[in-house]
PDB file of N, CA and C in Angstrom:
ATOM      1  N   MET A   1       0.845  -1.171   0.000  1.00  0.00           N
ATOM      2  CA  MET A   1       0.000   0.000   0.000  1.00  0.00           C
ATOM      3  C   MET A   1       0.885   1.226   0.000  1.00  0.00           C
ATOM      4  N   SER A   2       0.543   2.193  -0.818  1.00  0.00           N
ATOM      5  CA  SER A   2       1.298   3.427  -0.906  1.00  0.00           C
ATOM      6  C   SER A   2       0.681   4.498  -0.029  1.00  0.00           C
ATOM      7  N   ASN A   3       1.542   5.260   0.636  1.00  0.00           N
ATOM      8  CA  ASN A   3       1.093   6.367   1.467  1.00  0.00           C
ATOM      9  C   ASN A   3       1.257   7.691   0.736  1.00  0.00           C
ATOM     10  N   LYS A   4       1.526   7.650  -0.543  1.00  0.00           N
ATOM     11  CA  LYS A   4       1.752   8.858  -1.328  1.00  0.00           C
ATOM     12  C   LYS A   4       0.480   9.673  -1.469  1.00  0.00           C
ATOM     13  N   ASN A   5       0.650  10.970  -1.632  1.00  0.00           N
ATOM     14  CA  ASN A   5      -0.440  11.898  -1.923  1.00  0.00           C
ATOM     15  C   ASN A   5      -1.539  11.929  -0.864  1.00  0.00           C
ATOM     16  N   LEU A   6      -1.150  11.905   0.400  1.00  0.00           N
ATOM     17  CA  LEU A   6      -2.152  11.980   1.448  1.00  0.00           C
ATOM     18  C   LEU A   6      -2.488  13.419   1.831  1.00  0.00           C
ATOM     19  N   LEU A   7      -1.725  14.384   1.335  1.00  0.00           N
ATOM     20  CA  LEU A   7      -2.001  15.771   1.685  1.00  0.00           C
ATOM     21  C   LEU A   7      -3.201  16.275   0.905  1.00  0.00           C
ATOM     22  N   LEU A   8      -4.025  17.054   1.567  1.00  0.00           N
ATOM     23  CA  LEU A   8      -5.248  17.567   0.946  1.00  0.00           C
ATOM     24  C   LEU A   8      -4.972  18.812   0.126  1.00  0.00           C
ATOM     25  N   PRO A   9      -5.449  18.852  -1.106  1.00  0.00           N
ATOM     26  CA  PRO A   9      -5.381  20.101  -1.839  1.00  0.00           C
ATOM     27  C   PRO A   9      -6.418  21.072  -1.263  1.00  0.00           C
ATOM     28  N   PRO A  10      -6.174  22.368  -1.354  1.00  0.00           N
ATOM     29  CA  PRO A  10      -7.132  23.333  -0.807  1.00  0.00           C
ATOM     30  C   PRO A  10      -8.511  23.169  -1.426  1.00  0.00           C
ATOM     31  N   GLY A  11      -9.539  23.276  -0.588  1.00  0.00           N
ATOM     32  CA  GLY A  11     -10.904  23.302  -1.080  1.00  0.00           C
ATOM     33  C   GLY A  11     -11.564  21.963  -1.345  1.00  0.00           C
ATOM     34  N   ARG A  12     -10.944  20.865  -0.923  1.00  0.00           N
ATOM     35  CA  ARG A  12     -11.615  19.585  -1.128  1.00  0.00           C
ATOM     36  C   ARG A  12     -11.228  18.611  -0.026  1.00  0.00           C
ATOM     37  N   GLY A  13     -12.156  17.693   0.231  1.00  0.00           N
ATOM     38  CA  GLY A  13     -11.914  16.654   1.229  1.00  0.00           C
ATOM     39  C   GLY A  13     -11.238  15.453   0.590  1.00  0.00           C
ATOM     40  N   LEU A  14     -11.126  14.409   1.356  1.00  0.00           N
ATOM     41  CA  LEU A  14     -10.496  13.183   0.870  1.00  0.00           C
ATOM     42  C   LEU A  14     -11.426  12.410  -0.056  1.00  0.00           C
ATOM     43  N   SER A  15     -10.858  11.807  -1.078  1.00  0.00           N
ATOM     44  CA  SER A  15     -11.622  10.928  -1.964  1.00  0.00           C
ATOM     45  C   SER A  15     -11.722   9.544  -1.332  1.00  0.00           C
ATOM     46  N   SER A  16     -12.512   8.675  -1.945  1.00  0.00           N
ATOM     47  CA  SER A  16     -12.630   7.292  -1.465  1.00  0.00           C
ATOM     48  C   SER A  16     -11.286   6.578  -1.500  1.00  0.00           C
ATOM     49  N   ASP A  17     -10.531   6.789  -2.562  1.00  0.00           N
ATOM     50  CA  ASP A  17      -9.213   6.165  -2.670  1.00  0.00           C
ATOM     51  C   ASP A  17      -8.279   6.669  -1.582  1.00  0.00           C
ATOM     52  N   GLU A  18      -8.330   7.962  -1.316  1.00  0.00           N
ATOM     53  CA  GLU A  18      -7.461   8.542  -0.291  1.00  0.00           C
ATOM     54  C   GLU A  18      -7.833   8.045   1.103  1.00  0.00           C
ATOM     55  N   THR A  19      -9.136   7.971   1.381  1.00  0.00           N
ATOM     56  CA  THR A  19      -9.535   7.462   2.693  1.00  0.00           C
ATOM     57  C   THR A  19      -9.178   5.988   2.820  1.00  0.00           C
ATOM     58  N   GLY A  20      -9.279   5.254   1.712  1.00  0.00           N
ATOM     59  CA  GLY A  20      -8.891   3.849   1.729  1.00  0.00           C
ATOM     60  C   GLY A  20      -7.410   3.660   2.002  1.00  0.00           C
ATOM     61  N   ALA A  21      -6.589   4.632   1.582  1.00  0.00           N
ATOM     62  CA  ALA A  21      -5.146   4.544   1.814  1.00  0.00           C
ATOM     63  C   ALA A  21      -4.771   4.924   3.240  1.00  0.00           C
ATOM     64  N   VAL A  22      -5.467   5.886   3.807  1.00  0.00           N
ATOM     65  CA  VAL A  22      -5.085   6.389   5.130  1.00  0.00           C
ATOM     66  C   VAL A  22      -5.758   5.636   6.275  1.00  0.00           C
ATOM     67  N   ALA A  23      -6.918   5.075   6.047  1.00  0.00           N
ATOM     68  CA  ALA A  23      -7.654   4.399   7.126  1.00  0.00           C
ATOM     69  C   ALA A  23      -6.858   3.267   7.787  1.00  0.00           C
ATOM     70  N   PRO A  24      -6.152   2.408   7.030  1.00  0.00           N
ATOM     71  CA  PRO A  24      -5.389   1.342   7.694  1.00  0.00           C
ATOM     72  C   PRO A  24      -4.286   1.873   8.619  1.00  0.00           C
ATOM     73  N   LEU A  25      -3.686   3.001   8.256  1.00  0.00           N
ATOM     74  CA  LEU A  25      -2.660   3.589   9.110  1.00  0.00           C
ATOM     75  C   LEU A  25      -3.273   4.083  10.413  1.00  0.00           C
ATOM     76  N   LEU A  26      -4.390   4.780  10.295  1.00  0.00           N
ATOM     77  CA  LEU A  26      -5.053   5.292  11.488  1.00  0.00           C
ATOM     78  C   LEU A  26      -5.606   4.154  12.340  1.00  0.00           C
ATOM     79  N   LYS A  27      -6.124   3.124  11.683  1.00  0.00           N
ATOM     80  CA  LYS A  27      -6.645   1.968  12.421  1.00  0.00           C
ATOM     81  C   LYS A  27      -5.522   1.278  13.195  1.00  0.00           C
ATOM     82  N   ALA A  28      -4.358   1.136  12.562  1.00  0.00           N
ATOM     83  CA  ALA A  28      -3.219   0.510  13.238  1.00  0.00           C
ATOM     84  C   ALA A  28      -2.792   1.332  14.448  1.00  0.00           C
ATOM     85  N   LEU A  29      -2.818   2.643  14.327  1.00  0.00           N
ATOM     86  CA  LEU A  29      -2.412   3.518  15.427  1.00  0.00           C
ATOM     87  C   LEU A  29      -3.471   3.637  16.514  1.00  0.00           C
ATOM     88  N   ALA A  30      -4.701   3.258  16.213  1.00  0.00           N
ATOM     89  CA  ALA A  30      -5.794   3.402  17.179  1.00  0.00           C
ATOM     90  C   ALA A  30      -5.704   2.403  18.323  1.00  0.00           C
ATOM     91  N   ASP A  31      -4.922   1.363  18.173  1.00  0.00           N
ATOM     92  CA  ASP A  31      -4.771   0.380  19.242  1.00  0.00           C
ATOM     93  C   ASP A  31      -3.686   0.871  20.210  1.00  0.00           C
ATOM     94  N   PRO A  32      -3.991   0.945  21.508  1.00  0.00           N
ATOM     95  CA  PRO A  32      -3.010   1.464  22.475  1.00  0.00           C
ATOM     96  C   PRO A  32      -1.692   0.685  22.506  1.00  0.00           C
ATOM     97  N   VAL A  33      -1.746  -0.628  22.340  1.00  0.00           N
ATOM     98  CA  VAL A  33      -0.510  -1.420  22.350  1.00  0.00           C
ATOM     99  C   VAL A  33       0.346  -1.064  21.148  1.00  0.00           C
ATOM    100  N   ARG A  34      -0.280  -0.960  19.970  1.00  0.00           N
ATOM    101  CA  ARG A  34       0.492  -0.639  18.766  1.00  0.00           C
ATOM    102  C   ARG A  34       1.046   0.779  18.827  1.00  0.00           C
ATOM    103  N   LEU A  35       0.277   1.704  19.338  1.00  0.00           N
ATOM    104  CA  LEU A  35       0.770   3.076  19.474  1.00  0.00           C
ATOM    105  C   LEU A  35       1.974   3.102  20.414  1.00  0.00           C
ATOM    106  N   ARG A  36       1.877   2.366  21.488  1.00  0.00           N
ATOM    107  CA  ARG A  36       2.989   2.311  22.446  1.00  0.00           C
ATOM    108  C   ARG A  36       4.206   1.613  21.839  1.00  0.00           C
ATOM    109  N   LEU A  37       3.993   0.530  21.081  1.00  0.00           N
ATOM    110  CA  LEU A  37       5.103  -0.149  20.411  1.00  0.00           C
ATOM    111  C   LEU A  37       5.797   0.787  19.425  1.00  0.00           C
ATOM    112  N   LEU A  38       5.000   1.516  18.662  1.00  0.00           N
ATOM    113  CA  LEU A  38       5.580   2.464  17.706  1.00  0.00           C
ATOM    114  C   LEU A  38       6.407   3.511  18.440  1.00  0.00           C
ATOM    115  N   SER A  39       5.904   3.999  19.564  1.00  0.00           N
ATOM    116  CA  SER A  39       6.653   5.009  20.319  1.00  0.00           C
ATOM    117  C   SER A  39       7.931   4.413  20.908  1.00  0.00           C
ATOM    118  N   GLU A  40       7.892   3.146  21.295  1.00  0.00           N
ATOM    119  CA  GLU A  40       9.100   2.482  21.810  1.00  0.00           C
ATOM    120  C   GLU A  40      10.166   2.370  20.715  1.00  0.00           C
ATOM    121  N   VAL A  41       9.755   1.993  19.513  1.00  0.00           N
ATOM    122  CA  VAL A  41      10.702   1.902  18.406  1.00  0.00           C
ATOM    123  C   VAL A  41      11.264   3.283  18.098  1.00  0.00           C
ATOM    124  N   ALA A  42      10.394   4.279  18.025  1.00  0.00           N
ATOM    125  CA  ALA A  42      10.827   5.635  17.702  1.00  0.00           C
ATOM    126  C   ALA A  42      11.771   6.209  18.755  1.00  0.00           C
ATOM    127  N   ALA A  43      11.624   5.779  20.006  1.00  0.00           N
ATOM    128  CA  ALA A  43      12.447   6.306  21.095  1.00  0.00           C
ATOM    129  C   ALA A  43      13.884   5.773  21.057  1.00  0.00           C
ATOM    130  N   HIS A  44      14.114   4.699  20.336  1.00  0.00           N
ATOM    131  CA  HIS A  44      15.463   4.142  20.248  1.00  0.00           C
ATOM    132  C   HIS A  44      16.306   4.955  19.273  1.00  0.00           C
ATOM    133  N   PRO A  45      17.614   4.968  19.480  1.00  0.00           N
ATOM    134  CA  PRO A  45      18.497   5.716  18.565  1.00  0.00           C
ATOM    135  C   PRO A  45      18.280   5.300  17.115  1.00  0.00           C
ATOM    136  N   GLY A  46      18.138   6.277  16.271  1.00  0.00           N
ATOM    137  CA  GLY A  46      17.929   6.019  14.846  1.00  0.00           C
ATOM    138  C   GLY A  46      16.537   5.530  14.504  1.00  0.00           C
ATOM    139  N   GLY A  47      15.630   5.503  15.483  1.00  0.00           N
ATOM    140  CA  GLY A  47      14.269   5.036  15.229  1.00  0.00           C
ATOM    141  C   GLY A  47      14.210   3.573  14.878  1.00  0.00           C
ATOM    142  N   GLU A  48      15.189   2.799  15.401  1.00  0.00           N
ATOM    143  CA  GLU A  48      15.258   1.366  15.105  1.00  0.00           C
ATOM    144  C   GLU A  48      15.479   0.601  16.405  1.00  0.00           C
ATOM    145  N   ALA A  49      14.774  -0.521  16.547  1.00  0.00           N
ATOM    146  CA  ALA A  49      14.927  -1.321  17.756  1.00  0.00           C
ATOM    147  C   ALA A  49      14.718  -2.797  17.453  1.00  0.00           C
ATOM    148  N   CYS A  50      15.427  -3.619  18.197  1.00  0.00           N
ATOM    149  CA  CYS A  50      15.238  -5.060  18.137  1.00  0.00           C
ATOM    150  C   CYS A  50      13.976  -5.400  18.919  1.00  0.00           C
ATOM    151  N   VAL A  51      13.250  -6.360  18.440  1.00  0.00           N
ATOM    152  CA  VAL A  51      12.039  -6.776  19.146  1.00  0.00           C
ATOM    153  C   VAL A  51      12.379  -7.185  20.579  1.00  0.00           C
ATOM    154  N   CYS A  52      13.566  -7.693  20.787  1.00  0.00           N
ATOM    155  CA  CYS A  52      13.984  -8.102  22.131  1.00  0.00           C
ATOM    156  C   CYS A  52      14.125  -6.904  23.072  1.00  0.00           C
ATOM    157  N   ASP A  53      14.387  -5.712  22.517  1.00  0.00           N
ATOM    158  CA  ASP A  53      14.559  -4.508  23.331  1.00  0.00           C
ATOM    159  C   ASP A  53      13.247  -3.812  23.668  1.00  0.00           C
ATOM    160  N   ILE A  54      12.209  -4.051  22.894  1.00  0.00           N
ATOM    161  CA  ILE A  54      10.965  -3.302  23.113  1.00  0.00           C
ATOM    162  C   ILE A  54       9.854  -4.136  23.727  1.00  0.00           C
ATOM    163  N   SER A  55      10.028  -5.438  23.819  1.00  0.00           N
ATOM    164  CA  SER A  55       8.945  -6.277  24.347  1.00  0.00           C
ATOM    165  C   SER A  55       8.933  -6.346  25.868  1.00  0.00           C
ATOM    166  N   GLY A  56      10.022  -5.978  26.534  1.00  0.00           N
ATOM    167  CA  GLY A  56      10.123  -6.072  27.978  1.00  0.00           C
ATOM    168  C   GLY A  56       9.062  -5.323  28.769  1.00  0.00           C
ATOM    169  N   PRO A  57       8.768  -4.060  28.456  1.00  0.00           N
ATOM    170  CA  PRO A  57       7.820  -3.293  29.266  1.00  0.00           C
ATOM    171  C   PRO A  57       6.360  -3.725  29.129  1.00  0.00           C
ATOM    172  N   PHE A  58       6.071  -4.645  28.230  1.00  0.00           N
ATOM    173  CA  PHE A  58       4.693  -5.053  27.984  1.00  0.00           C
ATOM    174  C   PHE A  58       4.357  -6.321  28.741  1.00  0.00           C
ATOM    175  N   GLU A  59       3.163  -6.377  29.270  1.00  0.00           N
ATOM    176  CA  GLU A  59       2.694  -7.590  29.943  1.00  0.00           C
ATOM    177  C   GLU A  59       1.891  -8.434  28.955  1.00  0.00           C
ATOM    178  N   LEU A  60       2.532  -8.714  27.819  1.00  0.00           N
ATOM    179  CA  LEU A  60       1.920  -9.494  26.750  1.00  0.00           C
ATOM    180  C   LEU A  60       2.887 -10.588  26.330  1.00  0.00           C
ATOM    181  N   SER A  61       2.343 -11.645  25.767  1.00  0.00           N
ATOM    182  CA  SER A  61       3.197 -12.721  25.286  1.00  0.00           C
ATOM    183  C   SER A  61       3.951 -12.274  24.035  1.00  0.00           C
ATOM    184  N   GLN A  62       5.064 -12.955  23.756  1.00  0.00           N
ATOM    185  CA  GLN A  62       5.855 -12.630  22.569  1.00  0.00           C
ATOM    186  C   GLN A  62       5.033 -12.779  21.281  1.00  0.00           C
ATOM    187  N   PRO A  63       4.195 -13.815  21.126  1.00  0.00           N
ATOM    188  CA  PRO A  63       3.379 -13.899  19.915  1.00  0.00           C
ATOM    189  C   PRO A  63       2.423 -12.709  19.762  1.00  0.00           C
ATOM    190  N   THR A  64       1.900 -12.189  20.871  1.00  0.00           N
ATOM    191  CA  THR A  64       0.998 -11.032  20.799  1.00  0.00           C
ATOM    192  C   THR A  64       1.762  -9.789  20.374  1.00  0.00           C
ATOM    193  N   ILE A  65       2.957  -9.591  20.921  1.00  0.00           N
ATOM    194  CA  ILE A  65       3.808  -8.468  20.520  1.00  0.00           C
ATOM    195  C   ILE A  65       4.117  -8.576  19.029  1.00  0.00           C
ATOM    196  N   SER A  66       4.484  -9.772  18.583  1.00  0.00           N
ATOM    197  CA  SER A  66       4.801  -9.980  17.165  1.00  0.00           C
ATOM    198  C   SER A  66       3.602  -9.681  16.279  1.00  0.00           C
ATOM    199  N   HIS A  67       2.420 -10.059  16.720  1.00  0.00           N
ATOM    200  CA  HIS A  67       1.209  -9.770  15.949  1.00  0.00           C
ATOM    201  C   HIS A  67       1.025  -8.259  15.792  1.00  0.00           C
ATOM    202  N   HIS A  68       1.152  -7.521  16.876  1.00  0.00           N
ATOM    203  CA  HIS A  68       0.969  -6.069  16.815  1.00  0.00           C
ATOM    204  C   HIS A  68       2.032  -5.409  15.931  1.00  0.00           C
ATOM    205  N   LEU A  69       3.257  -5.885  16.001  1.00  0.00           N
ATOM    206  CA  LEU A  69       4.310  -5.342  15.137  1.00  0.00           C
ATOM    207  C   LEU A  69       4.034  -5.679  13.670  1.00  0.00           C
ATOM    208  N   LYS A  70       3.468  -6.843  13.423  1.00  0.00           N
ATOM    209  CA  LYS A  70       3.104  -7.228  12.053  1.00  0.00           C
ATOM    210  C   LYS A  70       2.033  -6.295  11.503  1.00  0.00           C
ATOM    211  N   VAL A  71       1.048  -5.934  12.334  1.00  0.00           N
ATOM    212  CA  VAL A  71       0.001  -4.998  11.901  1.00  0.00           C
ATOM    213  C   VAL A  71       0.615  -3.636  11.565  1.00  0.00           C
ATOM    214  N   LEU A  72       1.534  -3.167  12.399  1.00  0.00           N
ATOM    215  CA  LEU A  72       2.209  -1.895  12.124  1.00  0.00           C
ATOM    216  C   LEU A  72       3.007  -1.978  10.823  1.00  0.00           C
ATOM    217  N   ARG A  73       3.657  -3.118  10.594  1.00  0.00           N
ATOM    218  CA  ARG A  73       4.434  -3.295   9.366  1.00  0.00           C
ATOM    219  C   ARG A  73       3.525  -3.341   8.138  1.00  0.00           C
ATOM    220  N   GLN A  74       2.420  -4.077   8.233  1.00  0.00           N
ATOM    221  CA  GLN A  74       1.496  -4.168   7.104  1.00  0.00           C
ATOM    222  C   GLN A  74       0.859  -2.822   6.783  1.00  0.00           C
ATOM    223  N   ALA A  75       0.674  -1.980   7.788  1.00  0.00           N
ATOM    224  CA  ALA A  75       0.114  -0.648   7.567  1.00  0.00           C
ATOM    225  C   ALA A  75       1.152   0.311   6.985  1.00  0.00           C
ATOM    226  N   GLY A  76       2.412  -0.089   6.993  1.00  0.00           N
ATOM    227  CA  GLY A  76       3.458   0.761   6.449  1.00  0.00           C
ATOM    228  C   GLY A  76       4.041   1.738   7.455  1.00  0.00           C
ATOM    229  N   LEU A  77       3.758   1.556   8.727  1.00  0.00           N
ATOM    230  CA  LEU A  77       4.259   2.469   9.752  1.00  0.00           C
ATOM    231  C   LEU A  77       5.653   2.097  10.240  1.00  0.00           C
ATOM    232  N   VAL A  78       6.030   0.827  10.096  1.00  0.00           N
ATOM    233  CA  VAL A  78       7.380   0.378  10.408  1.00  0.00           C
ATOM    234  C   VAL A  78       7.839  -0.571   9.308  1.00  0.00           C
ATOM    235  N   THR A  79       9.149  -0.702   9.214  1.00  0.00           N
ATOM    236  CA  THR A  79       9.746  -1.720   8.349  1.00  0.00           C
ATOM    237  C   THR A  79      10.481  -2.695   9.263  1.00  0.00           C
ATOM    238  N   SER A  80      10.801  -3.858   8.753  1.00  0.00           N
ATOM    239  CA  SER A  80      11.504  -4.834   9.575  1.00  0.00           C
ATOM    240  C   SER A  80      12.621  -5.490   8.778  1.00  0.00           C
ATOM    241  N   GLU A  81      13.610  -5.954   9.533  1.00  0.00           N
ATOM    242  CA  GLU A  81      14.741  -6.651   8.932  1.00  0.00           C
ATOM    243  C   GLU A  81      15.200  -7.731   9.907  1.00  0.00           C
ATOM    244  N   ARG A  82      15.316  -8.946   9.404  1.00  0.00           N
ATOM    245  CA  ARG A  82      15.799 -10.051  10.247  1.00  0.00           C
ATOM    246  C   ARG A  82      17.325 -10.026  10.231  1.00  0.00           C
ATOM    247  N   ARG A  83      17.894 -10.070  11.436  1.00  0.00           N
ATOM    248  CA  ARG A  83      19.347 -10.160  11.603  1.00  0.00           C
ATOM    249  C   ARG A  83      19.615 -11.339  12.530  1.00  0.00           C
ATOM    250  N   ALA A  84      20.123 -12.383  11.957  1.00  0.00           N
ATOM    251  CA  ALA A  84      20.333 -13.647  12.686  1.00  0.00           C
ATOM    252  C   ALA A  84      19.000 -14.118  13.248  1.00  0.00           C
ATOM    253  N   THR A  85      18.867 -14.206  14.559  1.00  0.00           N
ATOM    254  CA  THR A  85      17.623 -14.723  15.136  1.00  0.00           C
ATOM    255  C   THR A  85      16.650 -13.626  15.545  1.00  0.00           C
ATOM    256  N   TRP A  86      17.062 -12.366  15.461  1.00  0.00           N
ATOM    257  CA  TRP A  86      16.212 -11.260  15.914  1.00  0.00           C
ATOM    258  C   TRP A  86      15.676 -10.457  14.747  1.00  0.00           C
ATOM    259  N   VAL A  87      14.534  -9.828  14.967  1.00  0.00           N
ATOM    260  CA  VAL A  87      13.948  -8.932  13.979  1.00  0.00           C
ATOM    261  C   VAL A  87      14.068  -7.518  14.509  1.00  0.00           C
ATOM    262  N   TYR A  88      14.575  -6.634  13.663  1.00  0.00           N
ATOM    263  CA  TYR A  88      14.728  -5.220  14.006  1.00  0.00           C
ATOM    264  C   TYR A  88      13.654  -4.425  13.274  1.00  0.00           C
ATOM    265  N   TYR A  89      13.050  -3.497  13.982  1.00  0.00           N
ATOM    266  CA  TYR A  89      11.989  -2.667  13.423  1.00  0.00           C
ATOM    267  C   TYR A  89      12.467  -1.230  13.352  1.00  0.00           C
ATOM    268  N   ARG A  90      12.078  -0.549  12.268  1.00  0.00           N
ATOM    269  CA  ARG A  90      12.441   0.848  12.054  1.00  0.00           C
ATOM    270  C   ARG A  90      11.175   1.626  11.721  1.00  0.00           C
ATOM    271  N   VAL A  91      11.051   2.791  12.320  1.00  0.00           N
ATOM    272  CA  VAL A  91       9.907   3.659  12.054  1.00  0.00           C
ATOM    273  C   VAL A  91       9.981   4.161  10.610  1.00  0.00           C
ATOM    274  N   ASN A  92       8.855   4.134   9.912  1.00  0.00           N
ATOM    275  CA  ASN A  92       8.763   4.692   8.569  1.00  0.00           C
ATOM    276  C   ASN A  92       8.419   6.172   8.729  1.00  0.00           C
ATOM    277  N   THR A  93       9.446   6.996   8.792  1.00  0.00           N
ATOM    278  CA  THR A  93       9.237   8.424   9.059  1.00  0.00           C
ATOM    279  C   THR A  93       8.440   9.105   7.952  1.00  0.00           C
ATOM    280  N   GLU A  94       8.589   8.638   6.733  1.00  0.00           N
ATOM    281  CA  GLU A  94       7.831   9.233   5.623  1.00  0.00           C
ATOM    282  C   GLU A  94       6.329   9.062   5.841  1.00  0.00           C
ATOM    283  N   ALA A  95       5.914   7.867   6.244  1.00  0.00           N
ATOM    284  CA  ALA A  95       4.489   7.617   6.484  1.00  0.00           C
ATOM    285  C   ALA A  95       3.980   8.487   7.629  1.00  0.00           C
ATOM    286  N   LEU A  96       4.773   8.623   8.698  1.00  0.00           N
ATOM    287  CA  LEU A  96       4.349   9.452   9.835  1.00  0.00           C
ATOM    288  C   LEU A  96       4.294  10.928   9.465  1.00  0.00           C
ATOM    289  N   GLN A  97       5.232  11.390   8.649  1.00  0.00           N
ATOM    290  CA  GLN A  97       5.196  12.786   8.196  1.00  0.00           C
ATOM    291  C   GLN A  97       3.975  13.052   7.324  1.00  0.00           C
ATOM    292  N   GLN A  98       3.616  12.096   6.479  1.00  0.00           N
ATOM    293  CA  GLN A  98       2.438  12.272   5.637  1.00  0.00           C
ATOM    294  C   GLN A  98       1.167  12.275   6.476  1.00  0.00           C
ATOM    295  N   LEU A  99       1.089  11.409   7.484  1.00  0.00           N
ATOM    296  CA  LEU A  99      -0.063  11.421   8.389  1.00  0.00           C
ATOM    297  C   LEU A  99      -0.138  12.738   9.151  1.00  0.00           C
ATOM    298  N   SER A 100       1.001  13.209   9.593  1.00  0.00           N
ATOM    299  CA  SER A 100       1.053  14.483  10.309  1.00  0.00           C
ATOM    300  C   SER A 100       0.558  15.617   9.422  1.00  0.00           C
ATOM    301  N   GLY A 101       0.984  15.624   8.169  1.00  0.00           N
ATOM    302  CA  GLY A 101       0.533  16.651   7.232  1.00  0.00           C
ATOM    303  C   GLY A 101      -0.959  16.574   6.981  1.00  0.00           C
ATOM    304  N   LEU A 102      -1.457  15.361   6.826  1.00  0.00           N
ATOM    305  CA  LEU A 102      -2.892  15.177   6.598  1.00  0.00           C
ATOM    306  C   LEU A 102      -3.698  15.678   7.791  1.00  0.00           C
ATOM    307  N   LEU A 103      -3.296  15.274   8.997  1.00  0.00           N
ATOM    308  CA  LEU A 103      -4.015  15.715  10.193  1.00  0.00           C
ATOM    309  C   LEU A 103      -3.916  17.222  10.368  1.00  0.00           C
ATOM    310  N   GLY A 104      -2.771  17.802  10.027  1.00  0.00           N
ATOM    311  CA  GLY A 104      -2.627  19.251  10.073  1.00  0.00           C
ATOM    312  C   GLY A 104      -3.560  19.932   9.092  1.00  0.00           C
ATOM    313  N   ASP A 105      -3.675  19.347   7.896  1.00  0.00           N
ATOM    314  CA  ASP A 105      -4.597  19.894   6.890  1.00  0.00           C
ATOM    315  C   ASP A 105      -6.041  19.814   7.367  1.00  0.00           C
ATOM    316  N   LEU A 106      -6.398  18.712   7.994  1.00  0.00           N
ATOM    317  CA  LEU A 106      -7.764  18.564   8.488  1.00  0.00           C
ATOM    318  C   LEU A 106      -8.061  19.567   9.596  1.00  0.00           C
ATOM    319  N   ALA A 107      -7.040  19.939  10.347  1.00  0.00           N
ATOM    320  CA  ALA A 107      -7.225  20.880  11.456  1.00  0.00           C
ATOM    321  C   ALA A 107      -7.232  22.333  10.990  1.00  0.00           C
ATOM    322  N   THR A 108      -6.795  22.576   9.778  1.00  0.00           N
ATOM    323  CA  THR A 108      -6.710  23.939   9.265  1.00  0.00           C
ATOM    324  C   THR A 108      -7.983  24.290   8.503  1.00  0.00           C
ATOM    325  N   VAL A 109      -8.563  25.400   8.861  1.00  0.00           N
ATOM    326  CA  VAL A 109      -9.729  25.903   8.144  1.00  0.00           C
ATOM    327  C   VAL A 109      -9.245  27.066   7.284  1.00  0.00           C
ATOM    328  N   VAL A 110      -9.280  26.873   5.962  1.00  0.00           N
ATOM    329  CA  VAL A 110      -8.786  27.886   5.048  1.00  0.00           C
ATOM    330  C   VAL A 110      -9.650  29.143   5.147  1.00  0.00           C
ATOM    331  N   GLY A 111      -9.014  30.275   5.382  1.00  0.00           N
ATOM    332  CA  GLY A 111      -9.725  31.546   5.445  1.00  0.00           C
ATOM    333  C   GLY A 111     -10.289  31.882   6.814  1.00  0.00           C
ATOM    334  N   GLU A 112     -10.256  30.952   7.746  1.00  0.00           N
ATOM    335  CA  GLU A 112     -10.761  31.191   9.095  1.00  0.00           C
ATOM    336  C   GLU A 112      -9.592  31.530  10.006  1.00  0.00           C
ATOM    337  N   THR A 113      -9.742  32.556  10.795  1.00  0.00           N
ATOM    338  CA  THR A 113      -8.690  32.931  11.726  1.00  0.00           C
ATOM    339  C   THR A 113      -8.928  32.350  13.111  1.00  0.00           C
ATOM    340  N   ARG A 114     -10.123  31.832  13.341  1.00  0.00           N
ATOM    341  CA  ARG A 114     -10.409  31.249  14.650  1.00  0.00           C
ATOM    342  C   ARG A 114     -11.309  30.036  14.478  1.00  0.00           C
ATOM    343  N   SER A 115     -11.351  29.239  15.483  1.00  0.00           N
ATOM    344  CA  SER A 115     -12.159  28.031  15.473  1.00  0.00           C
ATOM    345  C   SER A 115     -13.527  28.316  16.054  1.00  0.00           C
ATOM    346  N   CYS A 116     -14.540  27.565  15.613  1.00  0.00           N
ATOM    347  CA  CYS A 116     -15.874  27.706  16.187  1.00  0.00           C
ATOM    348  C   CYS A 116     -15.879  27.253  17.648  1.00  0.00           C
ATOM    349  N   GLU A 117     -14.886  26.467  18.027  1.00  0.00           N
ATOM    350  CA  GLU A 117     -14.804  26.017  19.414  1.00  0.00           C
ATOM    351  C   GLU A 117     -14.489  27.171  20.355  1.00  0.00           C
ATOM    352  N   ALA A 118     -13.885  28.243  19.839  1.00  0.00           N
ATOM    353  CA  ALA A 118     -13.528  29.390  20.679  1.00  0.00           C
ATOM    354  C   ALA A 118     -14.769  30.094  21.204  1.00  0.00           C
ATOM    355  N   ASP A 119     -15.906  29.956  20.529  1.00  0.00           N
ATOM    356  CA  ASP A 119     -17.136  30.610  20.970  1.00  0.00           C
ATOM    357  C   ASP A 119     -17.778  29.916  22.153  1.00  0.00           C
ATOM    358  N   GLN A 120     -17.356  28.707  22.450  1.00  0.00           N
ATOM    359  CA  GLN A 120     -18.021  27.928  23.504  1.00  0.00           C
ATOM    360  C   GLN A 120     -17.441  28.185  24.862  1.00  0.00           C
TER     361      GLN A 120
END
């Protein structure tokens, strides 16, 4: 799945194809365990960590941790590389930057200097 072209052009919302591309990323991040795993990987130097280094703080079995990391990998939020007996995960910074841009675009109201929430 490609994460390309997730930024919104001015004056239009997301198309069906665009929502289909971004929904799996958001769904993967919506799970607290996966969000925490992603943050653990990102917190390591270079945004890369061995599964052996990030599974310790979790009260989950190794197969459950592996499942959650697989979901993050399938969504394109991390990449993985096997080195001998361990798997190393790296944050896909491009995908996170595109999500950040999309969410920023959704939060921006073109031509509005204030939010309707300010009136409440």
